[in-house]
Amino acid sequence: QVHLEESGGGLVQPGGSLRVSCAASGSFVSIGSMGWYRRASEKVSELVASITIDGTTNYAEAVKGRFTISRDNAKNTVTLQMNSLKPEDTAVYYCTAETNLLYGKKYTGWGPGTQVTVSS
């Protein structure tokens, strides 16, 4: 099973930048895709960005050109650099990791979430 620990987040003014990071640990053979979801108050969760093991990225339209996802496969970490932040980016951000286990099994883990608030 995978344990995900997020760091970063916080309060930033509109137009500012923040970085959230996530480290994966636990018992797994390897990690496939990693990503970030977010859930704003009274809204459903949405995929923000994802990255495959070979570095292929995918972004939500709302964050394209402003957010950058990256990963370090050696350290099992994923980072989301968020620039030009807007109030509508305010949400709890969750890290996810799809892990490959023994016998061909897979397990997708979720972090506890970190709050990002964009406000003046």
N, C-alpha and C. Protein backbone atom coordinates (compact mmCIF):
# COMPACT_ATOMS: atom_id res chain seq x y z
N GLN A 1 0.85 -1.18 0.00
CA GLN A 1 0.00 0.00 0.00
C GLN A 1 0.89 1.23 0.00
N VAL A 2 0.42 2.31 -0.63
CA VAL A 2 1.21 3.51 -0.75
C VAL A 2 0.75 4.56 0.25
N HIS A 3 1.70 5.28 0.79
CA HIS A 3 1.42 6.41 1.67
C HIS A 3 1.91 7.67 0.97
N LEU A 4 1.01 8.65 0.84
CA LEU A 4 1.35 9.89 0.16
C LEU A 4 1.35 11.03 1.16
N GLU A 5 2.42 11.80 1.16
CA GLU A 5 2.53 12.93 2.07
C GLU A 5 2.75 14.19 1.26
N GLU A 6 1.83 15.15 1.38
CA GLU A 6 1.90 16.41 0.65
C GLU A 6 2.56 17.48 1.50
N SER A 7 3.15 18.43 0.82
CA SER A 7 3.72 19.60 1.49
C SER A 7 3.54 20.81 0.58
N GLY A 8 3.64 21.98 1.18
CA GLY A 8 3.42 23.20 0.42
C GLY A 8 2.00 23.68 0.60
N GLY A 9 1.54 24.49 -0.31
CA GLY A 9 0.22 25.07 -0.18
C GLY A 9 0.26 26.27 0.74
N GLY A 10 -0.92 26.82 1.01
CA GLY A 10 -1.00 27.97 1.89
C GLY A 10 -1.80 29.09 1.26
N LEU A 11 -1.52 30.30 1.73
CA LEU A 11 -2.25 31.49 1.29
C LEU A 11 -1.36 32.33 0.38
N VAL A 12 -1.90 32.76 -0.74
CA VAL A 12 -1.14 33.58 -1.67
C VAL A 12 -2.09 34.60 -2.30
N GLN A 13 -1.56 35.73 -2.68
CA GLN A 13 -2.36 36.75 -3.34
C GLN A 13 -2.57 36.40 -4.82
N PRO A 14 -3.64 36.90 -5.41
CA PRO A 14 -3.85 36.67 -6.84
C PRO A 14 -2.64 37.11 -7.65
N GLY A 15 -2.28 36.27 -8.62
CA GLY A 15 -1.10 36.54 -9.43
C GLY A 15 0.16 35.94 -8.87
N GLY A 16 0.10 35.44 -7.67
CA GLY A 16 1.28 34.86 -7.03
C GLY A 16 1.51 33.41 -7.42
N SER A 17 2.51 32.82 -6.79
CA SER A 17 2.90 31.44 -7.10
C SER A 17 2.98 30.60 -5.82
N LEU A 18 2.74 29.33 -6.00
CA LEU A 18 2.89 28.36 -4.92
C LEU A 18 3.36 27.05 -5.52
N ARG A 19 3.99 26.26 -4.68
CA ARG A 19 4.41 24.93 -5.11
C ARG A 19 3.92 23.92 -4.09
N VAL A 20 3.31 22.86 -4.57
CA VAL A 20 2.92 21.75 -3.71
C VAL A 20 3.67 20.51 -4.16
N SER A 21 4.14 19.76 -3.19
CA SER A 21 4.90 18.55 -3.49
C SER A 21 4.29 17.36 -2.77
N CYS A 22 4.62 16.19 -3.27
CA CYS A 22 4.07 14.97 -2.69
C CYS A 22 5.12 13.87 -2.78
N ALA A 23 5.31 13.16 -1.68
CA ALA A 23 6.26 12.06 -1.65
C ALA A 23 5.52 10.77 -1.37
N ALA A 24 5.83 9.75 -2.15
CA ALA A 24 5.19 8.45 -1.99
C ALA A 24 6.13 7.47 -1.31
N SER A 25 5.58 6.70 -0.41
CA SER A 25 6.35 5.66 0.26
C SER A 25 5.45 4.47 0.52
N GLY A 26 6.05 3.35 0.89
CA GLY A 26 5.24 2.17 1.20
C GLY A 26 5.69 0.96 0.42
N SER A 27 4.82 -0.01 0.33
CA SER A 27 5.13 -1.28 -0.32
C SER A 27 4.49 -1.34 -1.70
N PHE A 28 5.29 -1.17 -2.71
CA PHE A 28 4.81 -1.28 -4.09
C PHE A 28 6.00 -1.61 -4.97
N VAL A 29 5.71 -2.14 -6.14
CA VAL A 29 6.77 -2.51 -7.08
C VAL A 29 7.25 -1.26 -7.82
N SER A 30 6.31 -0.48 -8.28
CA SER A 30 6.64 0.75 -9.00
C SER A 30 5.44 1.67 -8.99
N ILE A 31 5.66 2.89 -9.45
CA ILE A 31 4.59 3.87 -9.54
C ILE A 31 4.34 4.22 -11.00
N GLY A 32 3.10 4.19 -11.39
CA GLY A 32 2.75 4.58 -12.74
C GLY A 32 2.46 6.07 -12.77
N SER A 33 1.26 6.42 -13.14
CA SER A 33 0.89 7.83 -13.21
C SER A 33 0.78 8.45 -11.82
N MET A 34 1.16 9.73 -11.76
CA MET A 34 0.97 10.51 -10.55
C MET A 34 0.22 11.77 -10.96
N GLY A 35 -0.46 12.37 -10.01
CA GLY A 35 -1.22 13.55 -10.40
C GLY A 35 -1.74 14.34 -9.22
N TRP A 36 -2.45 15.39 -9.57
CA TRP A 36 -3.06 16.26 -8.58
C TRP A 36 -4.53 16.50 -8.95
N TYR A 37 -5.40 16.33 -7.97
CA TYR A 37 -6.79 16.70 -8.08
C TYR A 37 -7.02 17.87 -7.13
N ARG A 38 -8.13 18.54 -7.32
CA ARG A 38 -8.51 19.58 -6.37
C ARG A 38 -10.01 19.56 -6.18
N ARG A 39 -10.42 20.01 -5.02
CA ARG A 39 -11.84 20.12 -4.71
C ARG A 39 -12.09 21.44 -4.01
N ALA A 40 -12.82 22.29 -4.71
CA ALA A 40 -13.21 23.56 -4.11
C ALA A 40 -14.45 23.34 -3.27
N SER A 41 -14.72 24.27 -2.39
CA SER A 41 -15.86 24.15 -1.50
C SER A 41 -17.15 23.95 -2.28
N GLU A 42 -17.90 22.94 -1.93
CA GLU A 42 -19.21 22.63 -2.52
C GLU A 42 -19.13 22.33 -4.01
N LYS A 43 -17.99 21.86 -4.45
CA LYS A 43 -17.83 21.46 -5.85
C LYS A 43 -17.25 20.05 -5.91
N VAL A 44 -17.38 19.41 -7.05
CA VAL A 44 -16.83 18.08 -7.21
C VAL A 44 -15.34 18.16 -7.46
N SER A 45 -14.65 17.08 -7.20
CA SER A 45 -13.22 17.04 -7.44
C SER A 45 -12.94 17.08 -8.95
N GLU A 46 -11.84 17.69 -9.29
CA GLU A 46 -11.45 17.74 -10.70
C GLU A 46 -9.97 17.46 -10.83
N LEU A 47 -9.61 16.82 -11.92
CA LEU A 47 -8.21 16.57 -12.21
C LEU A 47 -7.55 17.88 -12.60
N VAL A 48 -6.44 18.19 -11.95
CA VAL A 48 -5.68 19.39 -12.27
C VAL A 48 -4.59 19.07 -13.28
N ALA A 49 -3.80 18.05 -12.96
CA ALA A 49 -2.71 17.66 -13.84
C ALA A 49 -2.27 16.25 -13.51
N SER A 50 -1.72 15.57 -14.50
CA SER A 50 -1.19 14.23 -14.28
C SER A 50 0.08 14.07 -15.10
N ILE A 51 0.89 13.09 -14.69
CA ILE A 51 2.14 12.84 -15.38
C ILE A 51 2.43 11.35 -15.34
N THR A 52 2.78 10.78 -16.49
CA THR A 52 3.10 9.36 -16.54
C THR A 52 4.57 9.14 -16.16
N ILE A 53 4.94 7.89 -16.06
CA ILE A 53 6.31 7.57 -15.65
C ILE A 53 7.33 8.06 -16.68
N ASP A 54 6.92 8.17 -17.92
CA ASP A 54 7.86 8.64 -18.94
C ASP A 54 7.77 10.14 -19.16
N GLY A 55 6.99 10.82 -18.31
CA GLY A 55 6.95 12.28 -18.34
C GLY A 55 5.87 12.90 -19.19
N THR A 56 4.96 12.11 -19.73
CA THR A 56 3.86 12.67 -20.50
C THR A 56 2.88 13.36 -19.55
N THR A 57 2.55 14.60 -19.85
CA THR A 57 1.71 15.38 -18.95
C THR A 57 0.34 15.65 -19.54
N ASN A 58 -0.60 15.93 -18.64
CA ASN A 58 -1.97 16.26 -19.03
C ASN A 58 -2.45 17.31 -18.05
N TYR A 59 -3.09 18.37 -18.57
CA TYR A 59 -3.55 19.46 -17.73
C TYR A 59 -5.02 19.77 -17.97
N ALA A 60 -5.68 20.21 -16.93
CA ALA A 60 -7.03 20.74 -17.08
C ALA A 60 -6.92 22.05 -17.87
N GLU A 61 -7.93 22.33 -18.68
CA GLU A 61 -7.91 23.55 -19.48
C GLU A 61 -7.73 24.79 -18.62
N ALA A 62 -8.32 24.77 -17.45
CA ALA A 62 -8.31 25.95 -16.59
C ALA A 62 -6.91 26.31 -16.08
N VAL A 63 -5.98 25.36 -16.14
CA VAL A 63 -4.64 25.64 -15.58
C VAL A 63 -3.54 25.59 -16.62
N LYS A 64 -3.88 25.25 -17.83
CA LYS A 64 -2.86 25.18 -18.88
C LYS A 64 -2.13 26.51 -19.02
N GLY A 65 -0.82 26.43 -19.11
CA GLY A 65 -0.01 27.63 -19.25
C GLY A 65 0.34 28.29 -17.93
N ARG A 66 -0.30 27.87 -16.86
CA ARG A 66 -0.02 28.45 -15.53
C ARG A 66 0.59 27.45 -14.57
N PHE A 67 0.18 26.20 -14.67
CA PHE A 67 0.65 25.16 -13.76
C PHE A 67 1.60 24.23 -14.51
N THR A 68 2.57 23.71 -13.77
CA THR A 68 3.50 22.74 -14.34
C THR A 68 3.67 21.57 -13.36
N ILE A 69 3.44 20.38 -13.87
CA ILE A 69 3.63 19.19 -13.04
C ILE A 69 4.94 18.52 -13.44
N SER A 70 5.64 18.01 -12.44
CA SER A 70 6.90 17.31 -12.69
C SER A 70 7.04 16.19 -11.67
N ARG A 71 7.94 15.28 -11.93
CA ARG A 71 8.14 14.17 -11.00
C ARG A 71 9.60 13.76 -10.98
N ASP A 72 9.98 13.16 -9.87
CA ASP A 72 11.32 12.59 -9.73
C ASP A 72 11.12 11.11 -9.46
N ASN A 73 11.35 10.29 -10.45
CA ASN A 73 11.09 8.86 -10.31
C ASN A 73 12.02 8.20 -9.28
N ALA A 74 13.21 8.71 -9.15
CA ALA A 74 14.15 8.12 -8.19
C ALA A 74 13.70 8.37 -6.75
N LYS A 75 13.04 9.50 -6.53
CA LYS A 75 12.61 9.86 -5.18
C LYS A 75 11.12 9.61 -4.95
N ASN A 76 10.42 9.17 -6.00
CA ASN A 76 8.97 8.93 -5.90
C ASN A 76 8.23 10.17 -5.44
N THR A 77 8.56 11.28 -6.07
CA THR A 77 7.90 12.54 -5.73
C THR A 77 7.26 13.16 -6.96
N VAL A 78 6.23 13.96 -6.71
CA VAL A 78 5.57 14.72 -7.77
C VAL A 78 5.35 16.13 -7.25
N THR A 79 5.55 17.10 -8.11
CA THR A 79 5.45 18.50 -7.72
C THR A 79 4.55 19.24 -8.69
N LEU A 80 3.77 20.16 -8.14
CA LEU A 80 2.92 21.01 -8.96
C LEU A 80 3.32 22.46 -8.69
N GLN A 81 3.89 23.08 -9.70
CA GLN A 81 4.24 24.49 -9.61
C GLN A 81 3.07 25.30 -10.16
N MET A 82 2.56 26.18 -9.33
CA MET A 82 1.38 26.95 -9.71
C MET A 82 1.73 28.44 -9.79
N ASN A 83 1.61 28.99 -10.98
CA ASN A 83 1.90 30.40 -11.21
C ASN A 83 0.64 31.15 -11.62
N SER A 84 0.70 32.46 -11.54
CA SER A 84 -0.43 33.30 -11.94
C SER A 84 -1.73 32.81 -11.31
N LEU A 85 -1.67 32.57 -10.03
CA LEU A 85 -2.82 31.99 -9.34
C LEU A 85 -4.01 32.95 -9.32
N LYS A 86 -5.19 32.36 -9.39
CA LYS A 86 -6.45 33.10 -9.40
C LYS A 86 -7.29 32.67 -8.20
N PRO A 87 -8.20 33.51 -7.77
CA PRO A 87 -9.08 33.12 -6.66
C PRO A 87 -9.82 31.80 -6.93
N GLU A 88 -10.15 31.54 -8.17
CA GLU A 88 -10.85 30.30 -8.49
C GLU A 88 -9.97 29.06 -8.40
N ASP A 89 -8.68 29.24 -8.16
CA ASP A 89 -7.80 28.11 -7.90
C ASP A 89 -7.86 27.66 -6.45
N THR A 90 -8.55 28.42 -5.63
CA THR A 90 -8.69 28.06 -4.22
C THR A 90 -9.38 26.72 -4.07
N ALA A 91 -8.73 25.80 -3.37
CA ALA A 91 -9.26 24.45 -3.23
C ALA A 91 -8.33 23.65 -2.33
N VAL A 92 -8.79 22.46 -1.97
CA VAL A 92 -7.90 21.48 -1.35
C VAL A 92 -7.31 20.65 -2.49
N TYR A 93 -6.00 20.56 -2.50
CA TYR A 93 -5.29 19.84 -3.55
C TYR A 93 -4.85 18.48 -3.03
N TYR A 94 -5.16 17.44 -3.81
CA TYR A 94 -4.86 16.07 -3.41
C TYR A 94 -3.88 15.44 -4.40
N CYS A 95 -2.88 14.80 -3.86
CA CYS A 95 -1.92 14.06 -4.66
C CYS A 95 -2.44 12.63 -4.86
N THR A 96 -2.21 12.08 -6.03
CA THR A 96 -2.56 10.69 -6.29
C THR A 96 -1.39 9.97 -6.95
N ALA A 97 -1.34 8.67 -6.71
CA ALA A 97 -0.30 7.86 -7.34
C ALA A 97 -0.87 6.48 -7.63
N GLU A 98 -0.70 6.03 -8.85
CA GLU A 98 -1.13 4.69 -9.23
C GLU A 98 0.06 3.76 -9.05
N THR A 99 -0.06 2.83 -8.14
CA THR A 99 1.07 1.95 -7.85
C THR A 99 0.85 0.56 -8.43
N ASN A 100 1.93 -0.04 -8.82
CA ASN A 100 1.92 -1.42 -9.30
C ASN A 100 2.39 -2.32 -8.17
N LEU A 101 1.56 -3.31 -7.85
CA LEU A 101 1.86 -4.21 -6.73
C LEU A 101 2.26 -5.58 -7.28
N LEU A 102 2.49 -6.50 -6.39
CA LEU A 102 2.82 -7.86 -6.80
C LEU A 102 1.64 -8.52 -7.49
N TYR A 103 1.94 -9.50 -8.33
CA TYR A 103 0.92 -10.31 -9.00
C TYR A 103 0.03 -9.47 -9.92
N GLY A 104 0.58 -8.39 -10.44
CA GLY A 104 -0.16 -7.60 -11.42
C GLY A 104 -1.24 -6.69 -10.86
N LYS A 105 -1.31 -6.62 -9.56
CA LYS A 105 -2.34 -5.78 -8.97
C LYS A 105 -1.93 -4.31 -8.99
N LYS A 106 -2.94 -3.47 -8.95
CA LYS A 106 -2.70 -2.03 -8.91
C LYS A 106 -3.47 -1.41 -7.76
N TYR A 107 -2.96 -0.30 -7.29
CA TYR A 107 -3.63 0.42 -6.20
C TYR A 107 -3.37 1.90 -6.38
N THR A 108 -4.44 2.69 -6.34
CA THR A 108 -4.29 4.14 -6.44
C THR A 108 -4.44 4.77 -5.06
N GLY A 109 -3.39 5.41 -4.63
CA GLY A 109 -3.42 6.05 -3.33
C GLY A 109 -3.71 7.54 -3.43
N TRP A 110 -4.22 8.08 -2.35
CA TRP A 110 -4.54 9.51 -2.27
C TRP A 110 -3.87 10.11 -1.05
N GLY A 111 -3.39 11.33 -1.19
CA GLY A 111 -2.88 12.05 -0.04
C GLY A 111 -4.01 12.66 0.76
N PRO A 112 -3.72 13.18 1.95
CA PRO A 112 -4.76 13.76 2.80
C PRO A 112 -5.25 15.12 2.31
N GLY A 113 -4.49 15.76 1.39
CA GLY A 113 -4.90 17.05 0.86
C GLY A 113 -4.17 18.20 1.53
N THR A 114 -3.96 19.25 0.76
CA THR A 114 -3.35 20.46 1.28
C THR A 114 -4.13 21.66 0.75
N GLN A 115 -4.40 22.61 1.63
CA GLN A 115 -5.24 23.75 1.26
C GLN A 115 -4.42 24.80 0.51
N VAL A 116 -4.97 25.25 -0.60
CA VAL A 116 -4.42 26.38 -1.35
C VAL A 116 -5.49 27.45 -1.40
N THR A 117 -5.16 28.62 -0.88
CA THR A 117 -6.10 29.73 -0.85
C THR A 117 -5.50 30.92 -1.59
N VAL A 118 -6.23 31.42 -2.58
CA VAL A 118 -5.77 32.57 -3.36
C VAL A 118 -6.72 33.73 -3.04
N SER A 119 -6.19 34.68 -2.32
CA SER A 119 -7.04 35.79 -1.86
C SER A 119 -6.18 37.00 -1.53
N SER A 120 -6.76 38.17 -1.74
CA SER A 120 -6.06 39.40 -1.38
C SER A 120 -6.47 39.86 0.01
